[in-house]
Amino acid sequence: MLILFLGNAMLSDDRIGLMLGEMLKEKLEAEGHEVKILEKTGFSLVDYLENRDEAVIVDSVMTGRHQVGQVVSLNLDDLQQYAPFTSHYVGIPEALTLMRQLDLNPPTRLRILGIEVEDPYTISEKISDKLASRLNELVQEIHKMISEETGRIVSS
């Protein structure tokens, strides 16, 4: 299974996906997963998602509806609701539609794990204290969710 960890290294809490990817990459690859840590979004993800049966995307989301550091499991329908709160989700439904129209074989099952963040917009190399305090728990939680839900990914 392909696991994409997304983020922006220049933007405070938006870097959480990149950090988690670095912390989990070796372990997940040892378990047979393909792991990519990317600062890419929307249509640029087509090359990674093409011809994949299963894929997981891990990224930040700021909704104000959850506690900072909470993992929110999203499906494609949820993306429309959360799109205004994160730059990375904008374009994913459109990219998948385009893939179908061009017969590029999008993933048949896609899971998005969003991590609620406090500040994804400030230019900083430091994540917020609230998010930093949950970092080790997030590593364990994301790993557990990927391991347990590999066969139960929501169909796209």
Protein backbone atom coordinates (compact mmCIF):
# COMPACT_ATOMS: atom_id res chain seq x y z
CA MET A 1 0.00 0.00 0.00
CA LEU A 2 1.14 3.54 -0.76
CA ILE A 3 1.23 6.02 2.11
CA LEU A 4 1.69 9.71 1.29
CA PHE A 5 2.74 12.06 4.08
CA LEU A 6 2.07 15.64 2.98
CA GLY A 7 3.03 19.02 4.35
CA ASN A 8 4.96 22.22 3.93
CA ALA A 9 8.26 22.47 5.79
CA MET A 10 8.09 26.26 5.88
CA LEU A 11 4.67 26.53 7.57
CA SER A 12 4.45 25.84 11.30
CA ASP A 13 1.91 23.06 11.99
CA ASP A 14 1.49 22.22 8.29
CA ARG A 15 4.81 20.40 8.57
CA ILE A 16 3.26 17.70 10.84
CA GLY A 17 2.67 15.29 7.94
CA LEU A 18 6.33 15.56 6.93
CA MET A 19 7.49 15.02 10.51
CA LEU A 20 5.29 11.97 11.00
CA GLY A 21 6.46 10.57 7.67
CA GLU A 22 10.11 10.88 8.70
CA MET A 23 9.38 9.22 12.04
CA LEU A 24 7.35 6.34 10.55
CA LYS A 25 8.97 5.76 7.16
CA GLU A 26 11.44 3.05 8.17
CA LYS A 27 8.90 1.12 10.25
CA LEU A 28 6.18 1.26 7.59
CA GLU A 29 8.56 0.27 4.81
CA ALA A 30 9.75 -2.70 6.89
CA GLU A 31 6.08 -3.74 7.04
CA GLY A 32 5.88 -3.72 3.25
CA HIS A 33 4.33 -0.29 2.61
CA GLU A 34 5.62 2.21 0.09
CA VAL A 35 6.10 5.56 1.83
CA LYS A 36 6.49 8.97 0.18
CA ILE A 37 7.06 12.22 2.09
CA LEU A 38 5.98 15.08 -0.15
CA GLU A 39 5.49 18.82 -0.32
CA LYS A 40 3.05 18.38 -3.22
CA THR A 41 -0.71 18.80 -3.54
CA GLY A 42 -3.74 18.28 -5.80
CA PHE A 43 -2.95 17.44 -9.42
CA SER A 44 0.73 16.86 -8.66
CA LEU A 45 -0.31 13.75 -6.70
CA VAL A 46 -1.69 12.03 -9.85
CA ASP A 47 1.67 10.43 -10.64
CA TYR A 48 1.79 8.88 -7.17
CA LEU A 49 -1.82 7.68 -7.09
CA GLU A 50 -2.02 6.21 -10.59
CA ASN A 51 -2.46 2.41 -10.73
CA ARG A 52 -2.70 2.02 -6.94
CA ASP A 53 -5.27 -0.25 -5.36
CA GLU A 54 -4.95 1.30 -1.90
CA ALA A 55 -3.50 4.60 -0.72
CA VAL A 56 -3.44 6.58 2.50
CA ILE A 57 -2.81 10.31 2.70
CA VAL A 58 -1.64 11.82 6.01
CA ASP A 59 -1.80 15.60 6.29
CA SER A 60 -2.76 18.51 8.52
CA VAL A 61 -6.26 19.95 8.74
CA MET A 62 -7.47 22.97 10.71
CA THR A 63 -11.21 22.95 11.31
CA GLY A 64 -11.56 24.23 14.86
CA ARG A 65 -13.94 21.30 15.40
CA HIS A 66 -11.43 18.96 17.03
CA GLN A 67 -8.70 19.15 19.63
CA VAL A 68 -5.24 20.00 18.35
CA GLY A 69 -3.47 16.73 17.63
CA GLN A 70 -6.64 14.71 17.07
CA VAL A 71 -6.58 12.42 14.03
CA VAL A 72 -9.64 12.84 11.83
CA SER A 73 -10.41 10.05 9.37
CA LEU A 74 -11.81 11.52 6.15
CA ASN A 75 -13.23 10.14 2.92
CA LEU A 76 -13.73 11.88 -0.42
CA ASP A 77 -17.13 13.27 0.59
CA ASP A 78 -15.53 14.85 3.66
CA LEU A 79 -12.97 16.62 1.50
CA GLN A 80 -15.57 19.03 0.19
CA GLN A 81 -16.45 19.96 3.76
CA TYR A 82 -12.83 20.34 4.89
CA ALA A 83 -11.37 21.82 1.68
CA PRO A 84 -11.53 25.43 2.93
CA PHE A 85 -9.37 24.49 5.93
CA THR A 86 -6.30 23.07 4.21
CA SER A 87 -4.46 23.72 0.99
CA HIS A 88 -3.52 20.06 0.50
CA TYR A 89 -7.04 18.75 0.10
CA VAL A 90 -8.00 21.29 -2.52
CA GLY A 91 -7.81 19.50 -5.86
CA ILE A 92 -7.73 15.86 -4.71
CA PRO A 93 -11.35 15.12 -5.72
CA GLU A 94 -10.72 16.93 -9.00
CA ALA A 95 -7.48 15.03 -9.54
CA LEU A 96 -9.27 11.71 -9.00
CA THR A 97 -12.05 12.74 -11.40
CA LEU A 98 -9.49 13.70 -14.02
CA MET A 99 -7.70 10.37 -13.52
CA ARG A 100 -10.96 8.51 -14.16
CA GLN A 101 -11.72 10.58 -17.26
CA LEU A 102 -8.23 9.95 -18.64
CA ASP A 103 -8.35 6.26 -17.68
CA LEU A 104 -5.32 6.67 -15.40
CA ASN A 105 -6.58 4.16 -12.83
CA PRO A 106 -6.98 6.09 -9.56
CA PRO A 107 -6.86 4.15 -6.28
CA THR A 108 -9.95 2.05 -5.73
CA ARG A 109 -9.62 2.66 -1.99
CA LEU A 110 -8.33 5.87 -0.49
CA ARG A 111 -8.14 6.94 3.16
CA ILE A 112 -7.22 10.41 4.34
CA LEU A 113 -5.96 10.87 7.89
CA GLY A 114 -6.06 14.54 8.84
CA ILE A 115 -4.30 15.80 11.95
CA GLU A 116 -6.09 18.76 13.53
CA VAL A 117 -3.58 21.59 13.88
CA GLU A 118 -3.53 24.99 15.53
CA ASP A 119 -1.54 27.11 13.05
CA PRO A 120 -0.74 25.87 9.53
CA TYR A 121 -0.14 29.35 8.09
CA THR A 122 2.70 31.00 10.05
CA ILE A 123 6.12 30.76 8.46
CA SER A 124 8.14 28.89 11.08
CA GLU A 125 10.28 25.80 11.48
CA LYS A 126 8.60 25.08 14.83
CA ILE A 127 5.24 23.40 15.36
CA SER A 128 2.83 24.71 18.00
CA ASP A 129 3.36 23.59 21.59
CA LYS A 130 -0.04 21.83 21.68
CA LEU A 131 0.86 19.76 18.62
CA ALA A 132 4.42 19.13 19.81
CA SER A 133 3.10 17.72 23.09
CA ARG A 134 1.14 15.08 21.12
CA LEU A 135 3.89 14.13 18.64
CA ASN A 136 4.88 10.76 20.14
CA GLU A 137 1.22 9.79 20.60
CA LEU A 138 0.50 10.78 17.00
CA VAL A 139 3.28 8.53 15.72
CA GLN A 140 1.75 5.58 17.56
CA GLU A 141 -1.83 6.46 16.60
CA ILE A 142 -1.10 6.95 12.88
CA HIS A 143 0.89 3.70 12.77
CA LYS A 144 -1.90 1.82 14.53
CA MET A 145 -4.58 3.24 12.20
CA ILE A 146 -2.59 2.33 9.10
CA SER A 147 -1.86 -1.16 10.42
CA GLU A 148 -5.40 -1.90 11.60
CA GLU A 149 -7.25 -0.36 8.70
CA THR A 150 -5.20 -1.57 5.77
CA GLY A 151 -8.04 -3.84 4.67
CA ARG A 152 -10.83 -1.43 5.62
CA ILE A 153 -9.98 1.64 3.55
CA VAL A 154 -13.03 3.57 2.35
CA SER A 155 -13.78 3.07 -1.35
CA SER A 156 -13.41 6.19 -3.45
